[in-house]
């Protein structure tokens, strides 16, 4: 992969005050695959990354200790079901 565009400085696609900042570190000239750094309010994340997805708000079939052993630094918690199938006694709007 080749260095990021510009005179050796990484490029940013969002302002410094944004809750999410994406910094392009390198890009392959053939496939255009990119190595990115995501700067989130709670920490930084390098891509590509292993990101498990928790459907209906939970991860199934894997324990927390296994995620830690894999070096999991982020996970996606799909909570669409909370709005799509409200239950009696659920969170107030």
Protein backbone atom coordinates (compact mmCIF):
# COMPACT_ATOMS: atom_id res chain seq x y z
CA UNK A 1 0.00 0.00 0.00
CA UNK A 2 1.12 3.53 -0.64
CA UNK A 3 1.30 6.36 1.92
CA UNK A 4 -1.74 8.55 2.45
CA UNK A 5 -2.17 11.43 0.01
CA UNK A 6 -0.49 14.72 0.77
CA UNK A 7 3.01 15.60 1.97
CA UNK A 8 3.32 12.68 4.39
CA UNK A 9 0.44 13.86 6.59
CA UNK A 10 -2.66 11.71 7.03
CA UNK A 11 -5.90 13.10 5.65
CA UNK A 12 -8.97 13.56 7.83
CA UNK A 13 -12.52 13.43 6.53
CA UNK A 14 -14.22 15.12 9.49
CA UNK A 15 -13.58 18.13 11.67
CA UNK A 16 -11.76 17.81 14.99
CA UNK A 17 -14.95 18.64 16.90
CA UNK A 18 -16.99 15.84 15.28
CA UNK A 19 -17.90 12.80 17.43
CA UNK A 20 -16.35 10.55 14.78
CA UNK A 21 -13.13 11.37 12.97
CA UNK A 22 -11.80 9.13 10.19
CA UNK A 23 -8.11 9.40 9.36
CA UNK A 24 -6.80 7.62 6.28
CA UNK A 25 -3.37 6.14 7.03
CA UNK A 26 -2.57 4.27 3.81
CA UNK A 27 -4.28 3.30 0.54
CA UNK A 28 -3.51 0.52 -1.94
CA UNK A 29 -3.07 2.02 -5.43
CA UNK A 30 -4.50 -1.13 -7.06
CA UNK A 31 -7.57 -2.05 -5.00
CA UNK A 32 -8.01 1.29 -3.20
CA UNK A 33 -8.32 -0.65 0.09
CA UNK A 34 -7.59 1.69 2.98
CA UNK A 35 -6.00 1.44 6.40
CA UNK A 36 -7.98 3.81 8.61
CA UNK A 37 -7.91 5.14 12.12
CA UNK A 38 -11.31 5.89 13.65
CA UNK A 39 -11.24 8.44 16.45
CA UNK A 40 -14.32 7.97 18.62
CA UNK A 41 -15.35 9.83 21.79
CA UNK A 42 -14.30 6.82 23.91
CA UNK A 43 -11.07 5.85 22.11
CA UNK A 44 -9.31 5.09 18.85
CA UNK A 45 -9.73 2.09 16.57
CA UNK A 46 -7.54 0.86 13.71
CA UNK A 47 -9.09 -0.81 10.65
CA UNK A 48 -9.45 -3.42 9.36
CA UNK A 49 -10.89 -4.80 12.58
CA UNK A 50 -12.76 -7.86 13.88
CA UNK A 51 -16.20 -6.52 14.90
CA UNK A 52 -18.75 -9.04 16.10
CA UNK A 53 -22.43 -8.15 15.77
CA UNK A 54 -24.89 -8.66 18.60
CA UNK A 55 -28.36 -9.27 17.18
CA UNK A 56 -31.27 -8.31 19.39
CA UNK A 57 -28.82 -6.61 21.73
CA UNK A 58 -26.73 -9.68 22.66
CA UNK A 59 -23.79 -11.68 21.34
CA UNK A 60 -24.62 -15.35 21.07
CA UNK A 61 -22.27 -18.32 21.10
CA UNK A 62 -19.19 -16.53 22.45
CA UNK A 63 -18.16 -15.58 25.97
CA UNK A 64 -16.70 -12.24 27.07
CA UNK A 65 -13.39 -13.93 27.92
CA UNK A 66 -13.22 -15.28 24.34
CA UNK A 67 -13.81 -11.79 22.90
CA UNK A 68 -11.07 -10.43 25.15
CA UNK A 69 -8.69 -13.21 24.04
CA UNK A 70 -9.41 -12.33 20.39
CA UNK A 71 -8.52 -8.71 21.09
CA UNK A 72 -12.02 -7.49 20.30
CA UNK A 73 -11.96 -3.70 20.70
CA UNK A 74 -15.43 -2.90 19.30
CA UNK A 75 -18.76 -4.63 18.78
CA UNK A 76 -21.99 -3.65 17.11
CA UNK A 77 -25.10 -4.01 19.24
CA UNK A 78 -28.12 -4.16 16.96
CA UNK A 79 -31.00 -2.84 19.07
CA UNK A 80 -33.48 -2.20 16.24
CA UNK A 81 -35.81 -4.72 17.84
CA UNK A 82 -36.37 -2.41 20.83
CA UNK A 83 -38.30 0.00 18.63
CA UNK A 84 -39.73 -2.53 16.20
CA UNK A 85 -41.27 -4.82 18.84
CA UNK A 86 -42.03 -2.76 21.94
CA UNK A 87 -43.02 -4.75 25.00
CA UNK A 88 -45.29 -3.83 27.88
CA UNK A 89 -43.24 -2.34 30.73
CA UNK A 90 -40.35 -1.43 28.38
CA UNK A 91 -38.43 1.85 28.32
CA UNK A 92 -40.58 5.00 28.35
CA UNK A 93 -40.35 7.28 25.34
